[in-house]
Amino acid sequence: MNAAMQASLDDLAHKIRLHIAHLAGEDTTFEEKNDDWVARIQYEATVGEDKGDRWTAPSWWIDREKATVVYVSDRHSDNDNDEAADYLTKILN
């Protein structure tokens, strides 16, 4: 993997993380893209909950989450790239 490819994938990973941050623990599959890549991500999360009691308010948190990279495709050639998918999987989890 060359430096330009890695920088482009890092940019894509940043966009994916921003998308995940807005999901609030909701399981979903989504597609994210930048100038060079298109990635399909399957996101799964387990949400923990404390119902609260007389003295504390209810609260929720993401207990466990996982982002599975379904595929990463080069936007210029529409070819799947396993190396890019492995790299994204590694940095997202």
Protein backbone atom coordinates (compact mmCIF):
# COMPACT_ATOMS: atom_id res chain seq x y z
CA MET A 1 0.00 0.00 0.00
CA ASN A 2 1.46 3.35 -0.98
CA ALA A 3 1.21 6.58 1.03
CA ALA A 4 -1.45 8.16 -1.21
CA MET A 5 -3.69 5.09 -0.91
CA GLN A 6 -3.25 5.02 2.87
CA ALA A 7 -4.05 8.75 3.18
CA SER A 8 -7.20 8.31 1.09
CA LEU A 9 -8.32 5.33 3.19
CA ASP A 10 -7.62 7.29 6.39
CA ASP A 11 -9.90 10.03 5.05
CA LEU A 12 -12.59 7.43 4.32
CA ALA A 13 -12.19 5.92 7.81
CA HIS A 14 -12.69 9.38 9.31
CA LYS A 15 -15.97 9.76 7.39
CA ILE A 16 -17.06 6.29 8.52
CA ARG A 17 -16.32 7.13 12.17
CA LEU A 18 -18.35 10.35 11.92
CA HIS A 19 -21.26 8.38 10.47
CA ILE A 20 -21.02 5.78 13.25
CA ALA A 21 -20.96 8.52 15.90
CA HIS A 22 -24.39 9.69 14.74
CA LEU A 23 -25.94 6.20 14.84
CA ALA A 24 -26.31 6.19 18.65
CA GLY A 25 -25.91 2.42 18.85
CA GLU A 26 -28.41 1.58 16.09
CA ASP A 27 -27.46 -1.52 14.06
CA THR A 28 -27.33 -0.69 10.37
CA THR A 29 -25.54 -1.17 7.08
CA PHE A 30 -24.45 1.94 5.22
CA GLU A 31 -22.24 3.08 2.38
CA GLU A 32 -19.62 5.80 2.71
CA LYS A 33 -17.47 7.25 -0.06
CA ASN A 34 -14.74 9.74 -0.82
CA ASP A 35 -13.01 10.74 -4.07
CA ASP A 36 -11.23 7.38 -4.45
CA TRP A 37 -13.20 4.71 -2.58
CA VAL A 38 -16.67 3.39 -1.83
CA ALA A 39 -17.09 1.23 1.29
CA ARG A 40 -20.09 -0.70 2.60
CA ILE A 41 -20.03 -1.04 6.38
CA GLN A 42 -22.16 -3.24 8.60
CA TYR A 43 -22.34 -1.73 12.08
CA GLU A 44 -23.53 -3.64 15.13
CA ALA A 45 -23.71 -2.37 18.70
CA THR A 46 -24.91 -3.57 22.07
CA VAL A 47 -26.35 -0.80 24.20
CA GLY A 48 -26.12 -0.97 27.99
CA GLU A 49 -28.82 0.58 30.11
CA ASP A 50 -29.22 1.70 33.69
CA LYS A 51 -32.90 2.40 34.35
CA GLY A 52 -32.01 4.62 37.26
CA ASP A 53 -33.67 4.70 40.64
CA ARG A 54 -35.02 7.24 43.06
CA TRP A 55 -31.73 9.19 43.17
CA THR A 56 -30.28 8.71 39.70
CA ALA A 57 -31.52 9.36 36.19
CA PRO A 58 -31.65 6.63 33.52
CA SER A 59 -28.57 6.33 31.33
CA TRP A 60 -27.49 4.45 28.23
CA TRP A 61 -24.10 3.66 26.73
CA ILE A 62 -22.61 1.60 23.93
CA ASP A 63 -21.33 -1.53 25.62
CA ARG A 64 -19.88 -3.24 22.54
CA GLU A 65 -19.61 -2.23 18.91
CA LYS A 66 -18.22 -3.71 15.74
CA ALA A 67 -17.82 -2.31 12.23
CA THR A 68 -17.58 -5.01 9.57
CA VAL A 69 -16.25 -3.90 6.19
CA VAL A 70 -18.46 -5.70 3.65
CA TYR A 71 -16.46 -4.39 0.70
CA VAL A 72 -14.25 -1.52 -0.45
CA SER A 73 -14.36 -0.63 -4.11
CA ASP A 74 -12.10 1.64 -6.15
CA ARG A 75 -14.36 4.39 -7.56
CA HIS A 76 -12.25 4.69 -10.71
CA SER A 77 -12.36 1.03 -11.74
CA ASP A 78 -15.23 -0.47 -9.66
CA ASN A 79 -12.93 -3.28 -8.52
CA ASP A 80 -13.14 -4.60 -4.97
CA ASN A 81 -9.91 -4.19 -3.04
CA ASP A 82 -9.24 -6.73 -0.30
CA GLU A 83 -6.13 -4.90 0.92
CA ALA A 84 -8.16 -1.72 1.45
CA ALA A 85 -10.93 -3.67 3.22
CA ASP A 86 -8.42 -5.30 5.56
CA TYR A 87 -6.83 -1.92 6.34
CA LEU A 88 -10.21 -0.31 7.12
CA THR A 89 -11.26 -3.26 9.27
CA LYS A 90 -8.05 -2.94 11.26
CA ILE A 91 -8.33 0.79 11.93
CA LEU A 92 -12.10 0.85 12.59
CA ASN A 93 -12.08 -1.88 15.23
